[in-house]
Amino acid sequence: MLVVDGSGSIGTENFDTLINFVVRVTRQFDVSPERTHMGFIQFSERSKVEIGLGNITDERGFERAIGNIVYQNGVFTNTGEAIREATDQLFDSPEARDVSKLMFLFTDGVPIIPSDAVNA
């Protein structure tokens, strides 16, 4: 699960750079129905599941979907909510049953509620 900060402090240029980096990272995985399932959550004040875990089952489709994500440019960095959303996707999703689980968190700053992020 890719969890990406979409708060205003990131900036459009850095968000685009991050998206390009994420695409390069995902190329290292075999995204397919039988192998790796990936998802993408963007967060600022609220978390948004941009790509549900396992909704796209091929590498090119996943890359295209990532390229179509619109930067939130939000006010706050609600990291705790994003981690909880990713955890729900990873552990409650039927697609994630009986497989290894990994979360990549990309953020530039201090969460709005630091203790909330730690507890998540």
PDB file of N, CA and C in Angstrom:
ATOM      1  N   MET A   1       0.856  -1.166   0.000  1.00  0.00           N
ATOM      2  CA  MET A   1       0.000   0.000   0.000  1.00  0.00           C
ATOM      3  C   MET A   1       0.900   1.226   0.000  1.00  0.00           C
ATOM      4  N   LEU A   2       0.665   2.114  -0.946  1.00  0.00           N
ATOM      5  CA  LEU A   2       1.393   3.375  -1.036  1.00  0.00           C
ATOM      6  C   LEU A   2       0.545   4.451  -0.370  1.00  0.00           C
ATOM      7  N   VAL A   3       1.124   5.149   0.603  1.00  0.00           N
ATOM      8  CA  VAL A   3       0.415   6.176   1.354  1.00  0.00           C
ATOM      9  C   VAL A   3       1.200   7.477   1.156  1.00  0.00           C
ATOM     10  N   VAL A   4       0.585   8.439   0.461  1.00  0.00           N
ATOM     11  CA  VAL A   4       1.307   9.616  -0.009  1.00  0.00           C
ATOM     12  C   VAL A   4       0.691  10.900   0.531  1.00  0.00           C
ATOM     13  N   ASP A   5       1.536  11.745   1.091  1.00  0.00           N
ATOM     14  CA  ASP A   5       1.152  13.047   1.637  1.00  0.00           C
ATOM     15  C   ASP A   5       0.740  13.980   0.493  1.00  0.00           C
ATOM     16  N   GLY A   6      -0.477  14.491   0.573  1.00  0.00           N
ATOM     17  CA  GLY A   6      -0.979  15.444  -0.424  1.00  0.00           C
ATOM     18  C   GLY A   6      -1.211  16.815   0.190  1.00  0.00           C
ATOM     19  N   SER A   7      -0.549  17.103   1.319  1.00  0.00           N
ATOM     20  CA  SER A   7      -0.744  18.404   1.967  1.00  0.00           C
ATOM     21  C   SER A   7      -0.041  19.509   1.183  1.00  0.00           C
ATOM     22  N   GLY A   8      -0.434  20.749   1.465  1.00  0.00           N
ATOM     23  CA  GLY A   8       0.080  21.897   0.724  1.00  0.00           C
ATOM     24  C   GLY A   8       1.574  22.099   0.828  1.00  0.00           C
ATOM     25  N   SER A   9       2.189  21.634   1.915  1.00  0.00           N
ATOM     26  CA  SER A   9       3.629  21.829   2.068  1.00  0.00           C
ATOM     27  C   SER A   9       4.440  21.010   1.070  1.00  0.00           C
ATOM     28  N   ILE A  10       3.849  20.003   0.493  1.00  0.00           N
ATOM     29  CA  ILE A  10       4.539  19.198  -0.523  1.00  0.00           C
ATOM     30  C   ILE A  10       4.770  20.024  -1.787  1.00  0.00           C
ATOM     31  N   GLY A  11       3.735  20.702  -2.249  1.00  0.00           N
ATOM     32  CA  GLY A  11       3.843  21.504  -3.472  1.00  0.00           C
ATOM     33  C   GLY A  11       3.643  20.660  -4.715  1.00  0.00           C
ATOM     34  N   THR A  12       3.138  21.276  -5.748  1.00  0.00           N
ATOM     35  CA  THR A  12       2.822  20.568  -6.993  1.00  0.00           C
ATOM     36  C   THR A  12       4.047  19.919  -7.617  1.00  0.00           C
ATOM     37  N   GLU A  13       5.137  20.664  -7.687  1.00  0.00           N
ATOM     38  CA  GLU A  13       6.347  20.137  -8.332  1.00  0.00           C
ATOM     39  C   GLU A  13       6.885  18.912  -7.583  1.00  0.00           C
ATOM     40  N   ASN A  14       6.942  19.003  -6.262  1.00  0.00           N
ATOM     41  CA  ASN A  14       7.419  17.868  -5.468  1.00  0.00           C
ATOM     42  C   ASN A  14       6.449  16.692  -5.534  1.00  0.00           C
ATOM     43  N   PHE A  15       5.152  16.968  -5.585  1.00  0.00           N
ATOM     44  CA  PHE A  15       4.173  15.889  -5.710  1.00  0.00           C
ATOM     45  C   PHE A  15       4.386  15.151  -7.028  1.00  0.00           C
ATOM     46  N   ASP A  16       4.600  15.895  -8.106  1.00  0.00           N
ATOM     47  CA  ASP A  16       4.855  15.267  -9.405  1.00  0.00           C
ATOM     48  C   ASP A  16       6.134  14.429  -9.363  1.00  0.00           C
ATOM     49  N   THR A  17       7.170  14.948  -8.703  1.00  0.00           N
ATOM     50  CA  THR A  17       8.415  14.201  -8.548  1.00  0.00           C
ATOM     51  C   THR A  17       8.171  12.920  -7.757  1.00  0.00           C
ATOM     52  N   LEU A  18       7.379  13.022  -6.701  1.00  0.00           N
ATOM     53  CA  LEU A  18       7.050  11.862  -5.881  1.00  0.00           C
ATOM     54  C   LEU A  18       6.273  10.825  -6.676  1.00  0.00           C
ATOM     55  N   ILE A  19       5.323  11.278  -7.473  1.00  0.00           N
ATOM     56  CA  ILE A  19       4.547  10.345  -8.309  1.00  0.00           C
ATOM     57  C   ILE A  19       5.482   9.598  -9.259  1.00  0.00           C
ATOM     58  N   ASN A  20       6.420  10.308  -9.871  1.00  0.00           N
ATOM     59  CA  ASN A  20       7.379   9.656 -10.774  1.00  0.00           C
ATOM     60  C   ASN A  20       8.225   8.633 -10.021  1.00  0.00           C
ATOM     61  N   PHE A  21       8.633   8.977  -8.804  1.00  0.00           N
ATOM     62  CA  PHE A  21       9.393   8.039  -7.979  1.00  0.00           C
ATOM     63  C   PHE A  21       8.555   6.806  -7.653  1.00  0.00           C
ATOM     64  N   VAL A  22       7.310   7.012  -7.277  1.00  0.00           N
ATOM     65  CA  VAL A  22       6.416   5.902  -6.931  1.00  0.00           C
ATOM     66  C   VAL A  22       6.242   4.971  -8.134  1.00  0.00           C
ATOM     67  N   VAL A  23       6.108   5.524  -9.309  1.00  0.00           N
ATOM     68  CA  VAL A  23       5.996   4.694 -10.516  1.00  0.00           C
ATOM     69  C   VAL A  23       7.246   3.829 -10.675  1.00  0.00           C
ATOM     70  N   ARG A  24       8.426   4.433 -10.470  1.00  0.00           N
ATOM     71  CA  ARG A  24       9.672   3.659 -10.588  1.00  0.00           C
ATOM     72  C   ARG A  24       9.729   2.547  -9.534  1.00  0.00           C
ATOM     73  N   VAL A  25       9.290   2.841  -8.325  1.00  0.00           N
ATOM     74  CA  VAL A  25       9.279   1.831  -7.264  1.00  0.00           C
ATOM     75  C   VAL A  25       8.335   0.688  -7.630  1.00  0.00           C
ATOM     76  N   THR A  26       7.147   1.020  -8.114  1.00  0.00           N
ATOM     77  CA  THR A  26       6.162  -0.037  -8.408  1.00  0.00           C
ATOM     78  C   THR A  26       6.625  -0.942  -9.550  1.00  0.00           C
ATOM     79  N   ARG A  27       7.508  -0.452 -10.396  1.00  0.00           N
ATOM     80  CA  ARG A  27       8.035  -1.291 -11.475  1.00  0.00           C
ATOM     81  C   ARG A  27       8.887  -2.436 -10.952  1.00  0.00           C
ATOM     82  N   GLN A  28       9.293  -2.355  -9.691  1.00  0.00           N
ATOM     83  CA  GLN A  28      10.102  -3.410  -9.088  1.00  0.00           C
ATOM     84  C   GLN A  28       9.246  -4.592  -8.610  1.00  0.00           C
ATOM     85  N   PHE A  29       7.931  -4.426  -8.685  1.00  0.00           N
ATOM     86  CA  PHE A  29       7.006  -5.463  -8.234  1.00  0.00           C
ATOM     87  C   PHE A  29       6.253  -6.042  -9.428  1.00  0.00           C
ATOM     88  N   ASP A  30       5.878  -7.289  -9.307  1.00  0.00           N
ATOM     89  CA  ASP A  30       5.078  -7.953 -10.348  1.00  0.00           C
ATOM     90  C   ASP A  30       3.600  -7.743 -10.012  1.00  0.00           C
ATOM     91  N   VAL A  31       3.055  -6.620 -10.476  1.00  0.00           N
ATOM     92  CA  VAL A  31       1.643  -6.316 -10.214  1.00  0.00           C
ATOM     93  C   VAL A  31       0.800  -7.193 -11.140  1.00  0.00           C
ATOM     94  N   SER A  32       0.064  -8.107 -10.530  1.00  0.00           N
ATOM     95  CA  SER A  32      -0.761  -9.038 -11.302  1.00  0.00           C
ATOM     96  C   SER A  32      -1.761  -9.686 -10.349  1.00  0.00           C
ATOM     97  N   PRO A  33      -2.790 -10.332 -10.892  1.00  0.00           N
ATOM     98  CA  PRO A  33      -3.774 -10.982 -10.025  1.00  0.00           C
ATOM     99  C   PRO A  33      -3.150 -12.062  -9.131  1.00  0.00           C
ATOM    100  N   GLU A  34      -2.112 -12.733  -9.639  1.00  0.00           N
ATOM    101  CA  GLU A  34      -1.505 -13.836  -8.901  1.00  0.00           C
ATOM    102  C   GLU A  34      -0.376 -13.402  -7.988  1.00  0.00           C
ATOM    103  N   ARG A  35       0.172 -12.216  -8.202  1.00  0.00           N
ATOM    104  CA  ARG A  35       1.366 -11.812  -7.458  1.00  0.00           C
ATOM    105  C   ARG A  35       1.074 -10.608  -6.557  1.00  0.00           C
ATOM    106  N   THR A  36       1.572  -9.457  -6.921  1.00  0.00           N
ATOM    107  CA  THR A  36       1.499  -8.280  -6.063  1.00  0.00           C
ATOM    108  C   THR A  36       0.235  -7.471  -6.322  1.00  0.00           C
ATOM    109  N   HIS A  37      -0.478  -7.171  -5.258  1.00  0.00           N
ATOM    110  CA  HIS A  37      -1.630  -6.263  -5.312  1.00  0.00           C
ATOM    111  C   HIS A  37      -1.190  -4.958  -4.673  1.00  0.00           C
ATOM    112  N   MET A  38      -1.490  -3.845  -5.314  1.00  0.00           N
ATOM    113  CA  MET A  38      -1.079  -2.554  -4.781  1.00  0.00           C
ATOM    114  C   MET A  38      -2.271  -1.619  -4.701  1.00  0.00           C
ATOM    115  N   GLY A  39      -2.171  -0.669  -3.793  1.00  0.00           N
ATOM    116  CA  GLY A  39      -3.170   0.370  -3.641  1.00  0.00           C
ATOM    117  C   GLY A  39      -2.472   1.688  -3.376  1.00  0.00           C
ATOM    118  N   PHE A  40      -3.237   2.762  -3.426  1.00  0.00           N
ATOM    119  CA  PHE A  40      -2.667   4.108  -3.269  1.00  0.00           C
ATOM    120  C   PHE A  40      -3.643   4.957  -2.466  1.00  0.00           C
ATOM    121  N   ILE A  41      -3.160   5.519  -1.366  1.00  0.00           N
ATOM    122  CA  ILE A  41      -3.939   6.438  -0.546  1.00  0.00           C
ATOM    123  C   ILE A  41      -3.213   7.771  -0.527  1.00  0.00           C
ATOM    124  N   GLN A  42      -3.949   8.843  -0.796  1.00  0.00           N
ATOM    125  CA  GLN A  42      -3.402  10.188  -0.659  1.00  0.00           C
ATOM    126  C   GLN A  42      -4.052  10.813   0.575  1.00  0.00           C
ATOM    127  N   PHE A  43      -3.272  11.586   1.327  1.00  0.00           N
ATOM    128  CA  PHE A  43      -3.841  12.181   2.531  1.00  0.00           C
ATOM    129  C   PHE A  43      -3.375  13.613   2.730  1.00  0.00           C
ATOM    130  N   SER A  44      -4.222  14.372   3.348  1.00  0.00           N
ATOM    131  CA  SER A  44      -3.920  15.691   3.908  1.00  0.00           C
ATOM    132  C   SER A  44      -4.812  15.778   5.137  1.00  0.00           C
ATOM    133  N   GLU A  45      -5.884  16.614   5.103  1.00  0.00           N
ATOM    134  CA  GLU A  45      -6.824  16.607   6.238  1.00  0.00           C
ATOM    135  C   GLU A  45      -7.530  15.262   6.332  1.00  0.00           C
ATOM    136  N   ARG A  46      -7.878  14.725   5.194  1.00  0.00           N
ATOM    137  CA  ARG A  46      -8.589  13.447   5.079  1.00  0.00           C
ATOM    138  C   ARG A  46      -7.808  12.512   4.159  1.00  0.00           C
ATOM    139  N   SER A  47      -8.043  11.259   4.356  1.00  0.00           N
ATOM    140  CA  SER A  47      -7.434  10.254   3.493  1.00  0.00           C
ATOM    141  C   SER A  47      -8.394   9.917   2.367  1.00  0.00           C
ATOM    142  N   LYS A  48      -7.829   9.678   1.207  1.00  0.00           N
ATOM    143  CA  LYS A  48      -8.640   9.282   0.059  1.00  0.00           C
ATOM    144  C   LYS A  48      -7.988   8.068  -0.590  1.00  0.00           C
ATOM    145  N   VAL A  49      -8.747   6.994  -0.692  1.00  0.00           N
ATOM    146  CA  VAL A  49      -8.253   5.815  -1.402  1.00  0.00           C
ATOM    147  C   VAL A  49      -8.346   6.126  -2.888  1.00  0.00           C
ATOM    148  N   GLU A  50      -7.211   6.405  -3.480  1.00  0.00           N
ATOM    149  CA  GLU A  50      -7.161   6.736  -4.912  1.00  0.00           C
ATOM    150  C   GLU A  50      -7.251   5.471  -5.761  1.00  0.00           C
ATOM    151  N   ILE A  51      -6.578   4.416  -5.284  1.00  0.00           N
ATOM    152  CA  ILE A  51      -6.606   3.119  -5.963  1.00  0.00           C
ATOM    153  C   ILE A  51      -6.780   2.067  -4.877  1.00  0.00           C
ATOM    154  N   GLY A  52      -7.900   1.379  -4.888  1.00  0.00           N
ATOM    155  CA  GLY A  52      -8.150   0.343  -3.894  1.00  0.00           C
ATOM    156  C   GLY A  52      -7.192  -0.821  -4.064  1.00  0.00           C
ATOM    157  N   LEU A  53      -6.865  -1.450  -2.955  1.00  0.00           N
ATOM    158  CA  LEU A  53      -5.946  -2.579  -2.971  1.00  0.00           C
ATOM    159  C   LEU A  53      -6.465  -3.666  -3.907  1.00  0.00           C
ATOM    160  N   GLY A  54      -5.698  -3.962  -4.933  1.00  0.00           N
ATOM    161  CA  GLY A  54      -6.064  -5.015  -5.860  1.00  0.00           C
ATOM    162  C   GLY A  54      -7.072  -4.628  -6.925  1.00  0.00           C
ATOM    163  N   ASN A  55      -7.509  -3.351  -6.950  1.00  0.00           N
ATOM    164  CA  ASN A  55      -8.486  -2.934  -7.971  1.00  0.00           C
ATOM    165  C   ASN A  55      -7.893  -2.936  -9.376  1.00  0.00           C
ATOM    166  N   ILE A  56      -6.606  -2.686  -9.474  1.00  0.00           N
ATOM    167  CA  ILE A  56      -5.921  -2.707 -10.770  1.00  0.00           C
ATOM    168  C   ILE A  56      -4.882  -3.806 -10.690  1.00  0.00           C
ATOM    169  N   THR A  57      -4.934  -4.740 -11.615  1.00  0.00           N
ATOM    170  CA  THR A  57      -4.130  -5.949 -11.491  1.00  0.00           C
ATOM    171  C   THR A  57      -3.052  -6.100 -12.557  1.00  0.00           C
ATOM    172  N   ASP A  58      -2.665  -4.991 -13.179  1.00  0.00           N
ATOM    173  CA  ASP A  58      -1.534  -5.055 -14.100  1.00  0.00           C
ATOM    174  C   ASP A  58      -0.688  -3.799 -13.943  1.00  0.00           C
ATOM    175  N   GLU A  59       0.596  -3.953 -14.206  1.00  0.00           N
ATOM    176  CA  GLU A  59       1.566  -2.871 -13.975  1.00  0.00           C
ATOM    177  C   GLU A  59       1.250  -1.618 -14.777  1.00  0.00           C
ATOM    178  N   ARG A  60       0.970  -1.765 -16.057  1.00  0.00           N
ATOM    179  CA  ARG A  60       0.693  -0.583 -16.901  1.00  0.00           C
ATOM    180  C   ARG A  60      -0.569   0.145 -16.447  1.00  0.00           C
ATOM    181  N   GLY A  61      -1.598  -0.603 -16.107  1.00  0.00           N
ATOM    182  CA  GLY A  61      -2.827   0.006 -15.617  1.00  0.00           C
ATOM    183  C   GLY A  61      -2.603   0.749 -14.316  1.00  0.00           C
ATOM    184  N   PHE A  62      -1.775   0.171 -13.447  1.00  0.00           N
ATOM    185  CA  PHE A  62      -1.472   0.824 -12.181  1.00  0.00           C
ATOM    186  C   PHE A  62      -0.700   2.115 -12.421  1.00  0.00           C
ATOM    187  N   GLU A  63       0.269   2.074 -13.332  1.00  0.00           N
ATOM    188  CA  GLU A  63       1.035   3.288 -13.670  1.00  0.00           C
ATOM    189  C   GLU A  63       0.128   4.379 -14.235  1.00  0.00           C
ATOM    190  N   ARG A  64      -0.779   3.991 -15.120  1.00  0.00           N
ATOM    191  CA  ARG A  64      -1.713   4.977 -15.698  1.00  0.00           C
ATOM    192  C   ARG A  64      -2.581   5.594 -14.604  1.00  0.00           C
ATOM    193  N   ALA A  65      -3.082   4.751 -13.709  1.00  0.00           N
ATOM    194  CA  ALA A  65      -3.944   5.241 -12.629  1.00  0.00           C
ATOM    195  C   ALA A  65      -3.184   6.197 -11.715  1.00  0.00           C
ATOM    196  N   ILE A  66      -1.939   5.873 -11.391  1.00  0.00           N
ATOM    197  CA  ILE A  66      -1.130   6.770 -10.566  1.00  0.00           C
ATOM    198  C   ILE A  66      -0.935   8.108 -11.285  1.00  0.00           C
ATOM    199  N   GLY A  67      -0.686   8.049 -12.580  1.00  0.00           N
ATOM    200  CA  GLY A  67      -0.481   9.273 -13.363  1.00  0.00           C
ATOM    201  C   GLY A  67      -1.707  10.167 -13.413  1.00  0.00           C
ATOM    202  N   ASN A  68      -2.884   9.615 -13.154  1.00  0.00           N
ATOM    203  CA  ASN A  68      -4.127  10.396 -13.190  1.00  0.00           C
ATOM    204  C   ASN A  68      -4.536  10.956 -11.823  1.00  0.00           C
ATOM    205  N   ILE A  69      -3.756  10.685 -10.799  1.00  0.00           N
ATOM    206  CA  ILE A  69      -4.095  11.170  -9.458  1.00  0.00           C
ATOM    207  C   ILE A  69      -3.881  12.679  -9.385  1.00  0.00           C
ATOM    208  N   VAL A  70      -4.876  13.368  -8.850  1.00  0.00           N
ATOM    209  CA  VAL A  70      -4.824  14.828  -8.723  1.00  0.00           C
ATOM    210  C   VAL A  70      -4.341  15.180  -7.319  1.00  0.00           C
ATOM    211  N   TYR A  71      -3.351  16.030  -7.245  1.00  0.00           N
ATOM    212  CA  TYR A  71      -2.763  16.485  -5.986  1.00  0.00           C
ATOM    213  C   TYR A  71      -3.807  17.217  -5.152  1.00  0.00           C
ATOM    214  N   GLN A  72      -3.992  16.785  -3.892  1.00  0.00           N
ATOM    215  CA  GLN A  72      -4.999  17.387  -3.006  1.00  0.00           C
ATOM    216  C   GLN A  72      -4.666  18.818  -2.607  1.00  0.00           C
ATOM    217  N   ASN A  73      -3.389  19.127  -2.391  1.00  0.00           N
ATOM    218  CA  ASN A  73      -2.965  20.455  -1.942  1.00  0.00           C
ATOM    219  C   ASN A  73      -3.725  20.865  -0.672  1.00  0.00           C
ATOM    220  N   GLY A  74      -3.797  19.946   0.273  1.00  0.00           N
ATOM    221  CA  GLY A  74      -4.554  20.168   1.501  1.00  0.00           C
ATOM    222  C   GLY A  74      -3.833  21.052   2.501  1.00  0.00           C
ATOM    223  N   VAL A  75      -4.550  21.377   3.562  1.00  0.00           N
ATOM    224  CA  VAL A  75      -4.040  22.298   4.579  1.00  0.00           C
ATOM    225  C   VAL A  75      -3.244  21.570   5.659  1.00  0.00           C
ATOM    226  N   PHE A  76      -3.690  20.394   6.093  1.00  0.00           N
ATOM    227  CA  PHE A  76      -3.083  19.689   7.209  1.00  0.00           C
ATOM    228  C   PHE A  76      -2.458  18.376   6.765  1.00  0.00           C
ATOM    229  N   THR A  77      -1.661  17.788   7.665  1.00  0.00           N
ATOM    230  CA  THR A  77      -1.033  16.490   7.439  1.00  0.00           C
ATOM    231  C   THR A  77      -1.566  15.516   8.484  1.00  0.00           C
ATOM    232  N   ASN A  78      -2.644  14.830   8.152  1.00  0.00           N
ATOM    233  CA  ASN A  78      -3.295  13.914   9.083  1.00  0.00           C
ATOM    234  C   ASN A  78      -2.754  12.498   8.857  1.00  0.00           C
ATOM    235  N   THR A  79      -1.522  12.302   9.297  1.00  0.00           N
ATOM    236  CA  THR A  79      -0.823  11.041   9.065  1.00  0.00           C
ATOM    237  C   THR A  79      -1.507   9.874   9.771  1.00  0.00           C
ATOM    238  N   GLY A  80      -1.994  10.106  10.982  1.00  0.00           N
ATOM    239  CA  GLY A  80      -2.645   9.039  11.745  1.00  0.00           C
ATOM    240  C   GLY A  80      -3.828   8.445  11.014  1.00  0.00           C
ATOM    241  N   GLU A  81      -4.679   9.312  10.461  1.00  0.00           N
ATOM    242  CA  GLU A  81      -5.839   8.812   9.708  1.00  0.00           C
ATOM    243  C   GLU A  81      -5.389   8.019   8.489  1.00  0.00           C
ATOM    244  N   ALA A  82      -4.355   8.485   7.821  1.00  0.00           N
ATOM    245  CA  ALA A  82      -3.859   7.794   6.627  1.00  0.00           C
ATOM    246  C   ALA A  82      -3.337   6.403   6.978  1.00  0.00           C
ATOM    247  N   ILE A  83      -2.607   6.305   8.075  1.00  0.00           N
ATOM    248  CA  ILE A  83      -2.084   5.000   8.497  1.00  0.00           C
ATOM    249  C   ILE A  83      -3.229   4.058   8.861  1.00  0.00           C
ATOM    250  N   ARG A  84      -4.241   4.574   9.559  1.00  0.00           N
ATOM    251  CA  ARG A  84      -5.398   3.730   9.906  1.00  0.00           C
ATOM    252  C   ARG A  84      -6.130   3.266   8.649  1.00  0.00           C
ATOM    253  N   GLU A  85      -6.312   4.157   7.674  1.00  0.00           N
ATOM    254  CA  GLU A  85      -6.986   3.781   6.426  1.00  0.00           C
ATOM    255  C   GLU A  85      -6.190   2.695   5.705  1.00  0.00           C
ATOM    256  N   ALA A  86      -4.885   2.869   5.641  1.00  0.00           N
ATOM    257  CA  ALA A  86      -4.046   1.870   4.977  1.00  0.00           C
ATOM    258  C   ALA A  86      -4.109   0.535   5.712  1.00  0.00           C
ATOM    259  N   THR A  87      -4.086   0.586   7.026  1.00  0.00           N
ATOM    260  CA  THR A  87      -4.174  -0.632   7.827  1.00  0.00           C
ATOM    261  C   THR A  87      -5.499  -1.339   7.581  1.00  0.00           C
ATOM    262  N   ASP A  88      -6.588  -0.579   7.539  1.00  0.00           N
ATOM    263  CA  ASP A  88      -7.897  -1.172   7.235  1.00  0.00           C
ATOM    264  C   ASP A  88      -7.873  -1.855   5.876  1.00  0.00           C
ATOM    265  N   GLN A  89      -7.296  -1.178   4.881  1.00  0.00           N
ATOM    266  CA  GLN A  89      -7.220  -1.754   3.539  1.00  0.00           C
ATOM    267  C   GLN A  89      -6.380  -3.031   3.550  1.00  0.00           C
ATOM    268  N   LEU A  90      -5.275  -3.006   4.280  1.00  0.00           N
ATOM    269  CA  LEU A  90      -4.351  -4.133   4.268  1.00  0.00           C
ATOM    270  C   LEU A  90      -4.867  -5.349   5.029  1.00  0.00           C
ATOM    271  N   PHE A  91      -5.590  -5.100   6.113  1.00  0.00           N
ATOM    272  CA  PHE A  91      -5.975  -6.222   6.963  1.00  0.00           C
ATOM    273  C   PHE A  91      -7.444  -6.613   6.846  1.00  0.00           C
ATOM    274  N   ASP A  92      -8.296  -5.720   6.387  1.00  0.00           N
ATOM    275  CA  ASP A  92      -9.721  -6.025   6.290  1.00  0.00           C
ATOM    276  C   ASP A  92     -10.160  -6.363   4.869  1.00  0.00           C
ATOM    277  N   SER A  93      -9.309  -6.135   3.909  1.00  0.00           N
ATOM    278  CA  SER A  93      -9.665  -6.369   2.516  1.00  0.00           C
ATOM    279  C   SER A  93      -9.532  -7.849   2.163  1.00  0.00           C
ATOM    280  N   PRO A  94     -10.522  -8.410   1.466  1.00  0.00           N
ATOM    281  CA  PRO A  94     -10.404  -9.812   1.041  1.00  0.00           C
ATOM    282  C   PRO A  94      -9.191 -10.042   0.146  1.00  0.00           C
ATOM    283  N   GLU A  95      -8.790  -8.999  -0.609  1.00  0.00           N
ATOM    284  CA  GLU A  95      -7.639  -9.130  -1.500  1.00  0.00           C
ATOM    285  C   GLU A  95      -6.341  -9.329  -0.723  1.00  0.00           C
ATOM    286  N   ALA A  96      -6.338  -8.913   0.536  1.00  0.00           N
ATOM    287  CA  ALA A  96      -5.108  -8.962   1.330  1.00  0.00           C
ATOM    288  C   ALA A  96      -5.018 -10.184   2.230  1.00  0.00           C
ATOM    289  N   ARG A  97      -6.005 -11.039   2.166  1.00  0.00           N
ATOM    290  CA  ARG A  97      -6.021 -12.218   3.026  1.00  0.00           C
ATOM    291  C   ARG A  97      -4.866 -13.156   2.658  1.00  0.00           C
ATOM    292  N   ASP A  98      -4.165 -13.649   3.649  1.00  0.00           N
ATOM    293  CA  ASP A  98      -3.127 -14.673   3.479  1.00  0.00           C
ATOM    294  C   ASP A  98      -1.968 -14.243   2.573  1.00  0.00           C
ATOM    295  N   VAL A  99      -1.635 -12.960   2.579  1.00  0.00           N
ATOM    296  CA  VAL A  99      -0.479 -12.491   1.812  1.00  0.00           C
ATOM    297  C   VAL A  99       0.364 -11.569   2.702  1.00  0.00           C
ATOM    298  N   SER A 100       1.612 -11.378   2.306  1.00  0.00           N
ATOM    299  CA  SER A 100       2.478 -10.429   3.014  1.00  0.00           C
ATOM    300  C   SER A 100       1.937  -9.025   2.824  1.00  0.00           C
ATOM    301  N   LYS A 101       2.118  -8.189   3.833  1.00  0.00           N
ATOM    302  CA  LYS A 101       1.573  -6.837   3.793  1.00  0.00           C
ATOM    303  C   LYS A 101       2.694  -5.829   3.974  1.00  0.00           C
ATOM    304  N   LEU A 102       2.677  -4.805   3.139  1.00  0.00           N
ATOM    305  CA  LEU A 102       3.700  -3.769   3.163  1.00  0.00           C
ATOM    306  C   LEU A 102       3.044  -2.420   2.974  1.00  0.00           C
ATOM    307  N   MET A 103       3.514  -1.432   3.723  1.00  0.00           N
ATOM    308  CA  MET A 103       3.022  -0.065   3.544  1.00  0.00           C
ATOM    309  C   MET A 103       4.229   0.849   3.365  1.00  0.00           C
ATOM    310  N   PHE A 104       4.178   1.671   2.314  1.00  0.00           N
ATOM    311  CA  PHE A 104       5.186   2.698   2.083  1.00  0.00           C
ATOM    312  C   PHE A 104       4.532   4.041   2.380  1.00  0.00           C
ATOM    313  N   LEU A 105       5.076   4.777   3.337  1.00  0.00           N
ATOM    314  CA  LEU A 105       4.533   6.075   3.727  1.00  0.00           C
ATOM    315  C   LEU A 105       5.482   7.167   3.259  1.00  0.00           C
ATOM    316  N   PHE A 106       4.955   8.096   2.452  1.00  0.00           N
ATOM    317  CA  PHE A 106       5.737   9.214   1.938  1.00  0.00           C
ATOM    318  C   PHE A 106       5.148  10.512   2.485  1.00  0.00           C
ATOM    319  N   THR A 107       5.927  11.221   3.307  1.00  0.00           N
ATOM    320  CA  THR A 107       5.465  12.491   3.867  1.00  0.00           C
ATOM    321  C   THR A 107       6.660  13.398   4.089  1.00  0.00           C
ATOM    322  N   ASP A 108       6.398  14.685   4.161  1.00  0.00           N
ATOM    323  CA  ASP A 108       7.488  15.639   4.358  1.00  0.00           C
ATOM    324  C   ASP A 108       7.462  16.310   5.716  1.00  0.00           C
ATOM    325  N   GLY A 109       6.448  16.025   6.508  1.00  0.00           N
ATOM    326  CA  GLY A 109       6.350  16.863   7.678  1.00  0.00           C
ATOM    327  C   GLY A 109       5.807  16.219   8.912  1.00  0.00           C
ATOM    328  N   VAL A 110       5.603  17.081   9.859  1.00  0.00           N
ATOM    329  CA  VAL A 110       5.086  16.710  11.158  1.00  0.00           C
ATOM    330  C   VAL A 110       3.581  16.526  11.042  1.00  0.00           C
ATOM    331  N   PRO A 111       3.056  15.428  11.568  1.00  0.00           N
ATOM    332  CA  PRO A 111       1.605  15.230  11.522  1.00  0.00           C
ATOM    333  C   PRO A 111       0.879  16.282  12.364  1.00  0.00           C
ATOM    334  N   ILE A 112      -0.356  16.565  11.993  1.00  0.00           N
ATOM    335  CA  ILE A 112      -1.157  17.557  12.712  1.00  0.00           C
ATOM    336  C   ILE A 112      -1.355  17.153  14.173  1.00  0.00           C
ATOM    337  N   ILE A 113      -1.475  15.863  14.421  1.00  0.00           N
ATOM    338  CA  ILE A 113      -1.613  15.339  15.797  1.00  0.00           C
ATOM    339  C   ILE A 113      -0.525  14.259  15.944  1.00  0.00           C
ATOM    340  N   PRO A 114       0.687  14.659  16.374  1.00  0.00           N
ATOM    341  CA  PRO A 114       1.800  13.698  16.410  1.00  0.00           C
ATOM    342  C   PRO A 114       1.490  12.417  17.189  1.00  0.00           C
ATOM    343  N   SER A 115       0.830  12.525  18.342  1.00  0.00           N
ATOM    344  CA  SER A 115       0.551  11.310  19.128  1.00  0.00           C
ATOM    345  C   SER A 115      -0.415  10.395  18.393  1.00  0.00           C
ATOM    346  N   ASP A 116      -1.302  10.965  17.590  1.00  0.00           N
ATOM    347  CA  ASP A 116      -2.250  10.163  16.823  1.00  0.00           C
ATOM    348  C   ASP A 116      -1.514   9.316  15.786  1.00  0.00           C
ATOM    349  N   ALA A 117      -0.530   9.903  15.131  1.00  0.00           N
ATOM    350  CA  ALA A 117       0.246   9.164  14.130  1.00  0.00           C
ATOM    351  C   ALA A 117       1.036   8.046  14.784  1.00  0.00           C
ATOM    352  N   VAL A 118       1.597   8.308  15.956  1.00  0.00           N
ATOM    353  CA  VAL A 118       2.364   7.293  16.661  1.00  0.00           C
ATOM    354  C   VAL A 118       1.469   6.143  17.086  1.00  0.00           C
ATOM    355  N   ASN A 119       0.274   6.467  17.571  1.00  0.00           N
ATOM    356  CA  ASN A 119      -0.657   5.439  18.036  1.00  0.00           C
ATOM    357  C   ASN A 119      -1.275   4.646  16.906  1.00  0.00           C
ATOM    358  N   ALA A 120      -1.337   5.230  15.714  1.00  0.00           N
ATOM    359  CA  ALA A 120      -1.941   4.534  14.578  1.00  0.00           C
ATOM    360  C   ALA A 120      -1.068   3.355  14.204  1.00  0.00           C
TER     361      ALA A 120
END
